[in-house]
Amino acid sequence: MKSLISFHLTDCNRMNFFGNSLNHLPFDTVEEICLENVQNVDNYLLCSIIEKCIKLRKICLYRLFGPGIDSILEALVSQAKNLRNIELRISGTIVKEIENLPKFLSNMSQLRSLEKLDFINAGGFINDEFLEIVAKNCVQLTHLNIAGKNSVTDKGICNISKLKKLLFLDMRDIPNIISPPLEKMQNLEVLCCWNCRKIKEATLFLFLQEAPNLRAIDVRECPSVTTELLHVAENVVENRESKKILEIYIERAKIPDNFFYEKPDLLTIGIGSFEGVKYGFENILKCEKIPQIRIQPNAI
């Protein structure tokens, strides 16, 4: 095989067993890597693969067992010129602690071409300082997902409000978000605040009034949200020039009985799961490029 674009390895409990075989693949043409539910990952092997991918644009690491985040990020710096998309999902994963936080942040600051960044359930190292680094250096970002129980506060959201190209923000389940300056993110099209238990409804009022391109917002499990938010949304969609449909995800108990009969045509209630792909934001786990290799060793 002379040209390999996509490499996916899923449900593997013995990645190191394939070490010698993997070294013979033409990673110099690979643009996408996805490792999902892979155990016994050797840092050296994974980092050496990344360093060989001189055309790497996307990488998804989902439920990996064993690798250190800091060493992975350091390897990704070698591909900073082309790298556009990082997705790191840590839920249910045994991940080594970051050994050198300043170096980790320094590496993050070098990924200046990133357009999409997903650090989901990443815990303590996703904080205000991390978002300050992102805001200063990753100015091409259009998609940011920092969902999960982390230590981000209003200050961190204030930092990323400076990202003028940001269209998608998922900050669900962050416990210390209260009154962030969301109104500064006037280009946002999709916002998820699910289970932000402390966020103030007045903050969301102001955001709706200052976000002319907003297409979807998830405010489920936000205790401060009332039916008044729907009334504000009604006024917003009736008066904004873009005439775009606005979809609000909200608990059924907070929807007035007469809402569906009186609401503007441009305002709808979101149904089902809240996913960015529904609004045109790519799911990195889906790959349609060829040629590609998908390996599921445990199924053999």
C-alpha atoms as a PDB file:
ATOM      1  CA  MET A   1       0.000   0.000   0.000  1.00  0.00           C
ATOM      2  CA  LYS A   2       1.604   3.234  -1.172  1.00  0.00           C
ATOM      3  CA  SER A   3      -1.032   5.727  -0.083  1.00  0.00           C
ATOM      4  CA  LEU A   4      -2.951   5.519   3.198  1.00  0.00           C
ATOM      5  CA  ILE A   5      -5.158   8.427   4.253  1.00  0.00           C
ATOM      6  CA  SER A   6      -7.127   7.182   7.264  1.00  0.00           C
ATOM      7  CA  PHE A   7      -6.099   4.800  10.061  1.00  0.00           C
ATOM      8  CA  HIS A   8      -8.710   3.626  12.606  1.00  0.00           C
ATOM      9  CA  LEU A   9      -7.932   1.114  15.367  1.00  0.00           C
ATOM     10  CA  THR A  10     -10.894   0.128  17.566  1.00  0.00           C
ATOM     11  CA  ASP A  11     -11.675  -2.337  20.369  1.00  0.00           C
ATOM     12  CA  CYS A  12      -8.130  -3.593  20.692  1.00  0.00           C
ATOM     13  CA  ASN A  13      -6.655  -4.970  23.923  1.00  0.00           C
ATOM     14  CA  ARG A  14      -3.212  -5.675  22.534  1.00  0.00           C
ATOM     15  CA  MET A  15      -2.081  -2.731  20.422  1.00  0.00           C
ATOM     16  CA  ASN A  16       1.557  -3.389  21.234  1.00  0.00           C
ATOM     17  CA  PHE A  17       1.235  -6.812  19.596  1.00  0.00           C
ATOM     18  CA  PHE A  18       0.874  -4.978  16.287  1.00  0.00           C
ATOM     19  CA  GLY A  19       3.895  -2.762  16.884  1.00  0.00           C
ATOM     20  CA  ASN A  20       6.201  -4.192  14.216  1.00  0.00           C
ATOM     21  CA  SER A  21       3.385  -4.464  11.655  1.00  0.00           C
ATOM     22  CA  LEU A  22       2.266  -0.881  12.234  1.00  0.00           C
ATOM     23  CA  ASN A  23       5.792   0.365  11.649  1.00  0.00           C
ATOM     24  CA  HIS A  24       5.573  -0.846   8.055  1.00  0.00           C
ATOM     25  CA  LEU A  25       2.443   1.133   7.180  1.00  0.00           C
ATOM     26  CA  PRO A  26       2.884   4.293   5.049  1.00  0.00           C
ATOM     27  CA  PHE A  27       2.013   6.786   7.788  1.00  0.00           C
ATOM     28  CA  ASP A  28       3.696   9.588   5.841  1.00  0.00           C
ATOM     29  CA  THR A  29       0.458   9.916   3.799  1.00  0.00           C
ATOM     30  CA  VAL A  30      -1.996   9.535   6.698  1.00  0.00           C
ATOM     31  CA  GLU A  31      -4.282  12.508   7.366  1.00  0.00           C
ATOM     32  CA  GLU A  32      -6.572  10.979   9.999  1.00  0.00           C
ATOM     33  CA  ILE A  33      -5.931   8.765  13.028  1.00  0.00           C
ATOM     34  CA  CYS A  34      -8.632   7.378  15.301  1.00  0.00           C
ATOM     35  CA  LEU A  35      -7.872   5.084  18.231  1.00  0.00           C
ATOM     36  CA  GLU A  36     -10.983   3.985  20.117  1.00  0.00           C
ATOM     37  CA  ASN A  37     -11.152   1.697  23.138  1.00  0.00           C
ATOM     38  CA  VAL A  38      -7.522   0.609  22.804  1.00  0.00           C
ATOM     39  CA  GLN A  39      -5.691  -0.894  25.791  1.00  0.00           C
ATOM     40  CA  ASN A  40      -2.051  -1.317  26.714  1.00  0.00           C
ATOM     41  CA  VAL A  41      -0.997   1.611  24.563  1.00  0.00           C
ATOM     42  CA  ASP A  42       2.727   2.149  24.566  1.00  0.00           C
ATOM     43  CA  ASN A  43       3.685   5.818  24.645  1.00  0.00           C
ATOM     44  CA  TYR A  44       6.719   5.341  22.452  1.00  0.00           C
ATOM     45  CA  LEU A  45       4.789   3.430  19.787  1.00  0.00           C
ATOM     46  CA  LEU A  46       1.917   5.908  19.643  1.00  0.00           C
ATOM     47  CA  CYS A  47       4.172   8.970  19.594  1.00  0.00           C
ATOM     48  CA  SER A  48       6.411   7.465  16.909  1.00  0.00           C
ATOM     49  CA  ILE A  49       3.338   6.840  14.731  1.00  0.00           C
ATOM     50  CA  ILE A  50       2.181  10.433  15.204  1.00  0.00           C
ATOM     51  CA  GLU A  51       5.610  11.794  14.306  1.00  0.00           C
ATOM     52  CA  LYS A  52       5.589   9.814  11.057  1.00  0.00           C
ATOM     53  CA  CYS A  53       2.256  11.346   9.973  1.00  0.00           C
ATOM     54  CA  ILE A  54       3.649  14.450   8.303  1.00  0.00           C
ATOM     55  CA  LYS A  55       0.250  15.180   6.699  1.00  0.00           C
ATOM     56  CA  LEU A  56      -1.806  14.604   9.845  1.00  0.00           C
ATOM     57  CA  ARG A  57      -4.913  16.818  10.016  1.00  0.00           C
ATOM     58  CA  LYS A  58      -7.170  14.970  12.471  1.00  0.00           C
ATOM     59  CA  ILE A  59      -6.623  12.768  15.487  1.00  0.00           C
ATOM     60  CA  CYS A  60      -9.226  11.152  17.750  1.00  0.00           C
ATOM     61  CA  LEU A  61      -8.190   9.391  20.953  1.00  0.00           C
ATOM     62  CA  TYR A  62     -11.188   7.845  22.676  1.00  0.00           C
ATOM     63  CA  ARG A  63     -10.983   5.589  25.757  1.00  0.00           C
ATOM     64  CA  LEU A  64      -7.279   4.825  25.570  1.00  0.00           C
ATOM     65  CA  PHE A  65      -5.657   2.928  28.417  1.00  0.00           C
ATOM     66  CA  GLY A  66      -2.102   3.809  29.299  1.00  0.00           C
ATOM     67  CA  PRO A  67      -0.811   6.829  27.362  1.00  0.00           C
ATOM     68  CA  GLY A  68       0.286  10.084  28.957  1.00  0.00           C
ATOM     69  CA  ILE A  69      -1.541  13.178  27.693  1.00  0.00           C
ATOM     70  CA  ASP A  70       1.525  15.388  27.879  1.00  0.00           C
ATOM     71  CA  SER A  71       3.687  13.099  25.743  1.00  0.00           C
ATOM     72  CA  ILE A  72       0.935  12.743  23.139  1.00  0.00           C
ATOM     73  CA  LEU A  73       0.565  16.503  22.880  1.00  0.00           C
ATOM     74  CA  GLU A  74       4.317  16.897  22.562  1.00  0.00           C
ATOM     75  CA  ALA A  75       4.278  14.477  19.614  1.00  0.00           C
ATOM     76  CA  LEU A  76       1.409  16.397  18.019  1.00  0.00           C
ATOM     77  CA  VAL A  77       3.494  19.582  18.085  1.00  0.00           C
ATOM     78  CA  SER A  78       5.677  17.981  15.404  1.00  0.00           C
ATOM     79  CA  GLN A  79       2.606  18.082  13.121  1.00  0.00           C
ATOM     80  CA  ALA A  80       1.387  21.532  14.185  1.00  0.00           C
ATOM     81  CA  LYS A  81       1.579  22.955  10.656  1.00  0.00           C
ATOM     82  CA  ASN A  82      -1.154  20.715   9.237  1.00  0.00           C
ATOM     83  CA  LEU A  83      -3.054  19.612  12.340  1.00  0.00           C
ATOM     84  CA  ARG A  84      -6.600  20.991  12.319  1.00  0.00           C
ATOM     85  CA  ASN A  85      -8.626  18.737  14.603  1.00  0.00           C
ATOM     86  CA  ILE A  86      -7.979  17.101  17.996  1.00  0.00           C
ATOM     87  CA  GLU A  87     -10.554  15.031  19.848  1.00  0.00           C
ATOM     88  CA  LEU A  88      -9.589  13.633  23.226  1.00  0.00           C
ATOM     89  CA  ARG A  89     -12.290  11.846  25.210  1.00  0.00           C
ATOM     90  CA  ILE A  90     -11.141  10.663  28.595  1.00  0.00           C
ATOM     91  CA  SER A  91     -14.332   9.239  30.105  1.00  0.00           C
ATOM     92  CA  GLY A  92     -13.629   5.831  31.571  1.00  0.00           C
ATOM     93  CA  THR A  93      -9.959   6.052  30.679  1.00  0.00           C
ATOM     94  CA  ILE A  94      -6.896   5.477  32.814  1.00  0.00           C
ATOM     95  CA  VAL A  95      -4.675   8.400  31.872  1.00  0.00           C
ATOM     96  CA  LYS A  96      -1.378   9.207  33.498  1.00  0.00           C
ATOM     97  CA  GLU A  97      -1.122  12.510  35.290  1.00  0.00           C
ATOM     98  CA  ILE A  98       0.485  15.372  33.431  1.00  0.00           C
ATOM     99  CA  GLU A  99       4.061  15.373  34.660  1.00  0.00           C
ATOM    100  CA  ASN A 100       5.022  18.869  33.504  1.00  0.00           C
ATOM    101  CA  LEU A 101       2.087  21.256  33.293  1.00  0.00           C
ATOM    102  CA  PRO A 102       4.084  24.297  32.051  1.00  0.00           C
ATOM    103  CA  LYS A 103       5.505  22.183  29.219  1.00  0.00           C
ATOM    104  CA  PHE A 104       2.031  20.845  28.439  1.00  0.00           C
ATOM    105  CA  LEU A 105       0.679  24.396  28.135  1.00  0.00           C
ATOM    106  CA  SER A 106       3.693  25.417  26.057  1.00  0.00           C
ATOM    107  CA  ASN A 107       3.019  22.553  23.651  1.00  0.00           C
ATOM    108  CA  MET A 108      -0.635  23.557  23.446  1.00  0.00           C
ATOM    109  CA  SER A 109       0.381  27.102  22.508  1.00  0.00           C
ATOM    110  CA  GLN A 110       2.201  25.794  19.415  1.00  0.00           C
ATOM    111  CA  LEU A 111      -0.894  24.214  17.845  1.00  0.00           C
ATOM    112  CA  ARG A 112      -1.776  27.434  16.064  1.00  0.00           C
ATOM    113  CA  SER A 113      -3.543  25.893  13.071  1.00  0.00           C
ATOM    114  CA  LEU A 114      -6.227  24.107  15.081  1.00  0.00           C
ATOM    115  CA  GLU A 115      -9.796  24.664  13.952  1.00  0.00           C
ATOM    116  CA  LYS A 116     -11.538  22.082  16.130  1.00  0.00           C
ATOM    117  CA  LEU A 117     -10.624  21.089  19.670  1.00  0.00           C
ATOM    118  CA  ASP A 118     -12.514  18.549  21.787  1.00  0.00           C
ATOM    119  CA  PHE A 119     -11.130  17.878  25.280  1.00  0.00           C
ATOM    120  CA  ILE A 120     -14.048  16.033  26.862  1.00  0.00           C
ATOM    121  CA  ASN A 121     -14.096  14.941  30.514  1.00  0.00           C
ATOM    122  CA  ALA A 122     -10.467  15.968  30.720  1.00  0.00           C
ATOM    123  CA  GLY A 123     -10.681  16.983  34.370  1.00  0.00           C
ATOM    124  CA  GLY A 124      -8.381  19.337  36.218  1.00  0.00           C
ATOM    125  CA  PHE A 125      -6.030  20.407  33.441  1.00  0.00           C
ATOM    126  CA  ILE A 126      -8.923  22.021  31.553  1.00  0.00           C
ATOM    127  CA  ASN A 127      -9.026  25.252  33.511  1.00  0.00           C
ATOM    128  CA  ASP A 128      -8.935  29.013  33.025  1.00  0.00           C
ATOM    129  CA  GLU A 129      -5.177  29.039  32.385  1.00  0.00           C
ATOM    130  CA  PHE A 130      -5.565  26.385  29.686  1.00  0.00           C
ATOM    131  CA  LEU A 131      -8.319  28.393  27.971  1.00  0.00           C
ATOM    132  CA  GLU A 132      -6.180  31.538  28.134  1.00  0.00           C
ATOM    133  CA  ILE A 133      -3.452  29.692  26.204  1.00  0.00           C
ATOM    134  CA  VAL A 134      -6.015  28.456  23.688  1.00  0.00           C
ATOM    135  CA  ALA A 135      -7.507  31.928  23.197  1.00  0.00           C
ATOM    136  CA  LYS A 136      -4.119  33.560  22.622  1.00  0.00           C
ATOM    137  CA  ASN A 137      -2.701  30.980  20.233  1.00  0.00           C
ATOM    138  CA  CYS A 138      -5.471  28.951  18.585  1.00  0.00           C
ATOM    139  CA  VAL A 139      -7.185  31.875  16.914  1.00  0.00           C
ATOM    140  CA  GLN A 140      -8.445  29.776  13.998  1.00  0.00           C
ATOM    141  CA  LEU A 141     -10.747  27.727  16.234  1.00  0.00           C
ATOM    142  CA  THR A 142     -14.326  27.385  15.023  1.00  0.00           C
ATOM    143  CA  HIS A 143     -15.286  24.438  17.245  1.00  0.00           C
ATOM    144  CA  LEU A 144     -14.501  24.022  20.958  1.00  0.00           C
ATOM    145  CA  ASN A 145     -15.777  21.280  23.255  1.00  0.00           C
ATOM    146  CA  ILE A 146     -14.695  21.427  26.914  1.00  0.00           C
ATOM    147  CA  ALA A 147     -17.610  19.461  28.343  1.00  0.00           C
ATOM    148  CA  GLY A 148     -17.221  17.662  31.641  1.00  0.00           C
ATOM    149  CA  LYS A 149     -16.479  18.130  35.307  1.00  0.00           C
ATOM    150  CA  ASN A 150     -13.560  20.561  35.072  1.00  0.00           C
ATOM    151  CA  SER A 151     -12.437  23.684  36.937  1.00  0.00           C
ATOM    152  CA  VAL A 152     -13.310  26.266  34.273  1.00  0.00           C
ATOM    153  CA  THR A 153     -14.958  29.428  35.614  1.00  0.00           C
ATOM    154  CA  ASP A 154     -16.427  32.563  34.076  1.00  0.00           C
ATOM    155  CA  LYS A 155     -12.871  33.858  33.642  1.00  0.00           C
ATOM    156  CA  GLY A 156     -12.035  30.993  31.305  1.00  0.00           C
ATOM    157  CA  ILE A 157     -15.131  31.610  29.190  1.00  0.00           C
ATOM    158  CA  CYS A 158     -14.188  35.291  29.083  1.00  0.00           C
ATOM    159  CA  ASN A 159     -10.826  34.269  27.624  1.00  0.00           C
ATOM    160  CA  ILE A 160     -12.324  32.246  24.776  1.00  0.00           C
ATOM    161  CA  SER A 161     -14.855  34.981  24.029  1.00  0.00           C
ATOM    162  CA  LYS A 162     -11.950  36.595  22.157  1.00  0.00           C
ATOM    163  CA  LEU A 163     -12.017  33.809  19.545  1.00  0.00           C
ATOM    164  CA  LYS A 164     -13.756  35.670  16.737  1.00  0.00           C
ATOM    165  CA  LYS A 165     -14.140  32.617  14.483  1.00  0.00           C
ATOM    166  CA  LEU A 166     -15.740  30.407  17.125  1.00  0.00           C
ATOM    167  CA  LEU A 167     -19.063  28.990  15.911  1.00  0.00           C
ATOM    168  CA  PHE A 168     -19.596  25.991  18.193  1.00  0.00           C
ATOM    169  CA  LEU A 169     -19.127  25.852  21.982  1.00  0.00           C
ATOM    170  CA  ASP A 170     -19.988  22.896  24.200  1.00  0.00           C
ATOM    171  CA  MET A 171     -19.524  23.643  27.886  1.00  0.00           C
ATOM    172  CA  ARG A 172     -22.038  21.168  29.288  1.00  0.00           C
ATOM    173  CA  ASP A 173     -21.714  19.842  32.824  1.00  0.00           C
ATOM    174  CA  ILE A 174     -19.213  22.478  33.982  1.00  0.00           C
ATOM    175  CA  PRO A 175     -20.100  23.201  37.631  1.00  0.00           C
ATOM    176  CA  ASN A 176     -18.640  26.685  38.169  1.00  0.00           C
ATOM    177  CA  ILE A 177     -20.079  28.634  35.249  1.00  0.00           C
ATOM    178  CA  ILE A 178     -22.281  31.428  36.653  1.00  0.00           C
ATOM    179  CA  SER A 179     -22.386  34.576  34.561  1.00  0.00           C
ATOM    180  CA  PRO A 180     -19.865  34.351  31.714  1.00  0.00           C
ATOM    181  CA  PRO A 181     -19.779  37.060  29.004  1.00  0.00           C
ATOM    182  CA  LEU A 182     -21.470  34.904  26.379  1.00  0.00           C
ATOM    183  CA  GLU A 183     -22.848  38.039  24.735  1.00  0.00           C
ATOM    184  CA  LYS A 184     -19.342  38.737  23.408  1.00  0.00           C
ATOM    185  CA  MET A 185     -19.541  35.585  21.266  1.00  0.00           C
ATOM    186  CA  GLN A 186     -21.751  37.137  18.638  1.00  0.00           C
ATOM    187  CA  ASN A 187     -20.717  34.688  15.922  1.00  0.00           C
ATOM    188  CA  LEU A 188     -21.735  31.557  17.835  1.00  0.00           C
ATOM    189  CA  GLU A 189     -24.166  29.305  16.003  1.00  0.00           C
ATOM    190  CA  VAL A 190     -24.417  26.455  18.525  1.00  0.00           C
ATOM    191  CA  LEU A 191     -24.119  26.586  22.329  1.00  0.00           C
ATOM    192  CA  CYS A 192     -24.569  23.745  24.800  1.00  0.00           C
ATOM    193  CA  CYS A 193     -25.022  24.621  28.490  1.00  0.00           C
ATOM    194  CA  TRP A 194     -26.602  21.345  29.567  1.00  0.00           C
ATOM    195  CA  ASN A 195     -26.331  20.811  33.337  1.00  0.00           C
ATOM    196  CA  CYS A 196     -24.527  24.079  34.015  1.00  0.00           C
ATOM    197  CA  ARG A 197     -26.203  24.177  37.394  1.00  0.00           C
ATOM    198  CA  LYS A 198     -25.146  27.683  38.413  1.00  0.00           C
ATOM    199  CA  ILE A 199     -25.564  29.619  35.174  1.00  0.00           C
ATOM    200  CA  LYS A 200     -27.903  32.600  35.488  1.00  0.00           C
ATOM    201  CA  GLU A 201     -30.911  32.969  33.241  1.00  0.00           C
ATOM    202  CA  ALA A 202     -30.182  36.695  32.820  1.00  0.00           C
ATOM    203  CA  THR A 203     -26.846  35.734  31.224  1.00  0.00           C
ATOM    204  CA  LEU A 204     -28.702  33.607  28.679  1.00  0.00           C
ATOM    205  CA  PHE A 205     -31.206  36.427  28.023  1.00  0.00           C
ATOM    206  CA  LEU A 206     -28.381  38.773  27.109  1.00  0.00           C
ATOM    207  CA  PHE A 207     -26.655  36.160  24.971  1.00  0.00           C
ATOM    208  CA  LEU A 208     -29.798  35.437  22.933  1.00  0.00           C
ATOM    209  CA  GLN A 209     -30.210  39.138  22.238  1.00  0.00           C
ATOM    210  CA  GLU A 210     -26.602  39.510  21.039  1.00  0.00           C
ATOM    211  CA  ALA A 211     -26.211  36.331  18.951  1.00  0.00           C
ATOM    212  CA  PRO A 212     -27.817  36.988  15.557  1.00  0.00           C
ATOM    213  CA  ASN A 213     -26.495  33.773  14.008  1.00  0.00           C
ATOM    214  CA  LEU A 214     -27.467  31.390  16.820  1.00  0.00           C
ATOM    215  CA  ARG A 215     -29.168  28.241  15.511  1.00  0.00           C
ATOM    216  CA  ALA A 216     -29.288  25.986  18.584  1.00  0.00           C
ATOM    217  CA  ILE A 217     -28.920  26.225  22.347  1.00  0.00           C
ATOM    218  CA  ASP A 218     -29.224  23.504  25.000  1.00  0.00           C
ATOM    219  CA  VAL A 219     -30.319  24.749  28.439  1.00  0.00           C
ATOM    220  CA  ARG A 220     -31.649  21.505  29.863  1.00  0.00           C
ATOM    221  CA  GLU A 221     -30.842  20.774  33.516  1.00  0.00           C
ATOM    222  CA  CYS A 222     -30.095  24.450  34.186  1.00  0.00           C
ATOM    223  CA  PRO A 223     -32.165  25.186  37.331  1.00  0.00           C
ATOM    224  CA  SER A 224     -32.359  28.952  36.797  1.00  0.00           C
ATOM    225  CA  VAL A 225     -33.984  28.638  33.368  1.00  0.00           C
ATOM    226  CA  THR A 226     -37.723  29.338  33.262  1.00  0.00           C
ATOM    227  CA  THR A 227     -40.409  29.822  30.632  1.00  0.00           C
ATOM    228  CA  GLU A 228     -39.240  33.431  30.432  1.00  0.00           C
ATOM    229  CA  LEU A 229     -36.298  32.295  28.311  1.00  0.00           C
ATOM    230  CA  LEU A 230     -38.741  31.120  25.652  1.00  0.00           C
ATOM    231  CA  HIS A 231     -40.465  34.500  25.669  1.00  0.00           C
ATOM    232  CA  VAL A 232     -37.118  36.239  25.163  1.00  0.00           C
ATOM    233  CA  ALA A 233     -36.303  33.811  22.341  1.00  0.00           C
ATOM    234  CA  GLU A 234     -39.644  34.586  20.683  1.00  0.00           C
ATOM    235  CA  ASN A 235     -38.847  38.289  20.598  1.00  0.00           C
ATOM    236  CA  VAL A 236     -35.318  37.618  19.337  1.00  0.00           C
ATOM    237  CA  VAL A 237     -36.302  35.486  16.330  1.00  0.00           C
ATOM    238  CA  GLU A 238     -39.075  37.878  15.348  1.00  0.00           C
ATOM    239  CA  ASN A 239     -36.728  40.844  15.239  1.00  0.00           C
ATOM    240  CA  ARG A 240     -33.359  39.595  14.060  1.00  0.00           C
ATOM    241  CA  GLU A 241     -32.456  40.238  10.440  1.00  0.00           C
ATOM    242  CA  SER A 242     -30.905  36.844   9.731  1.00  0.00           C
ATOM    243  CA  LYS A 243     -34.328  35.120   9.855  1.00  0.00           C
ATOM    244  CA  LYS A 244     -32.635  31.884  10.920  1.00  0.00           C
ATOM    245  CA  ILE A 245     -34.492  29.162  12.771  1.00  0.00           C
ATOM    246  CA  LEU A 246     -33.544  28.922  16.452  1.00  0.00           C
ATOM    247  CA  GLU A 247     -33.833  25.531  18.156  1.00  0.00           C
ATOM    248  CA  ILE A 248     -33.967  25.441  21.952  1.00  0.00           C
ATOM    249  CA  TYR A 249     -33.434  22.285  23.973  1.00  0.00           C
ATOM    250  CA  ILE A 250     -35.395  22.721  27.202  1.00  0.00           C
ATOM    251  CA  GLU A 251     -37.308  20.498  29.633  1.00  0.00           C
ATOM    252  CA  ARG A 252     -40.919  19.805  28.680  1.00  0.00           C
ATOM    253  CA  ALA A 253     -42.106  21.016  32.091  1.00  0.00           C
ATOM    254  CA  LYS A 254     -40.823  24.517  31.289  1.00  0.00           C
ATOM    255  CA  ILE A 255     -42.788  24.822  28.042  1.00  0.00           C
ATOM    256  CA  PRO A 256     -46.169  26.598  28.393  1.00  0.00           C
ATOM    257  CA  ASP A 257     -49.192  24.596  27.217  1.00  0.00           C
ATOM    258  CA  ASN A 258     -50.067  27.163  24.556  1.00  0.00           C
ATOM    259  CA  PHE A 259     -46.503  27.589  23.316  1.00  0.00           C
ATOM    260  CA  PHE A 260     -46.783  25.330  20.275  1.00  0.00           C
ATOM    261  CA  TYR A 261     -49.882  27.182  19.089  1.00  0.00           C
ATOM    262  CA  GLU A 262     -48.512  30.696  19.499  1.00  0.00           C
ATOM    263  CA  LYS A 263     -44.769  30.417  18.906  1.00  0.00           C
ATOM    264  CA  PRO A 264     -43.095  32.055  15.876  1.00  0.00           C
ATOM    265  CA  ASP A 265     -42.289  29.738  12.965  1.00  0.00           C
ATOM    266  CA  LEU A 266     -38.590  30.511  13.410  1.00  0.00           C
ATOM    267  CA  LEU A 267     -38.513  29.095  16.958  1.00  0.00           C
ATOM    268  CA  THR A 268     -38.530  25.316  17.510  1.00  0.00           C
ATOM    269  CA  ILE A 269     -38.010  22.936  20.432  1.00  0.00           C
ATOM    270  CA  GLY A 270     -35.093  20.529  20.122  1.00  0.00           C
ATOM    271  CA  ILE A 271     -35.935  16.825  20.321  1.00  0.00           C
ATOM    272  CA  GLY A 272     -33.577  13.959  21.121  1.00  0.00           C
ATOM    273  CA  SER A 273     -29.858  14.170  21.787  1.00  0.00           C
ATOM    274  CA  PHE A 274     -27.946  17.392  21.271  1.00  0.00           C
ATOM    275  CA  GLU A 275     -25.240  16.778  18.660  1.00  0.00           C
ATOM    276  CA  GLY A 276     -23.210  19.294  16.714  1.00  0.00           C
ATOM    277  CA  VAL A 277     -23.276  17.095  13.609  1.00  0.00           C
ATOM    278  CA  LYS A 278     -27.005  17.885  13.328  1.00  0.00           C
ATOM    279  CA  TYR A 279     -26.032  21.499  12.644  1.00  0.00           C
ATOM    280  CA  GLY A 280     -23.261  20.779  10.203  1.00  0.00           C
ATOM    281  CA  PHE A 281     -20.381  20.323  12.637  1.00  0.00           C
ATOM    282  CA  GLU A 282     -18.330  17.287  11.731  1.00  0.00           C
ATOM    283  CA  ASN A 283     -18.216  14.102  13.784  1.00  0.00           C
ATOM    284  CA  ILE A 284     -14.536  13.152  13.725  1.00  0.00           C
ATOM    285  CA  LEU A 285     -15.327   9.476  14.284  1.00  0.00           C
ATOM    286  CA  LYS A 286     -16.995   9.369  10.878  1.00  0.00           C
ATOM    287  CA  CYS A 287     -14.549   9.071   8.030  1.00  0.00           C
ATOM    288  CA  GLU A 288     -15.521   8.883   4.384  1.00  0.00           C
ATOM    289  CA  LYS A 289     -12.068   9.307   2.868  1.00  0.00           C
ATOM    290  CA  ILE A 290     -10.329   6.433   1.141  1.00  0.00           C
ATOM    291  CA  PRO A 291      -8.040   4.566   1.119  1.00  0.00           C
ATOM    292  CA  GLN A 292      -8.295   3.726   4.789  1.00  0.00           C
ATOM    293  CA  ILE A 293      -7.575   0.928   7.255  1.00  0.00           C
ATOM    294  CA  ARG A 294     -10.014   0.024  10.022  1.00  0.00           C
ATOM    295  CA  ILE A 295      -8.779  -2.637  12.412  1.00  0.00           C
ATOM    296  CA  GLN A 296     -10.900  -4.375  15.065  1.00  0.00           C
ATOM    297  CA  PRO A 297      -8.561  -7.088  16.370  1.00  0.00           C
ATOM    298  CA  ASN A 298     -10.913  -8.380  19.054  1.00  0.00           C
ATOM    299  CA  ALA A 299     -13.520  -9.192  16.454  1.00  0.00           C
ATOM    300  CA  ILE A 300     -11.143 -11.498  14.568  1.00  0.00           C
END
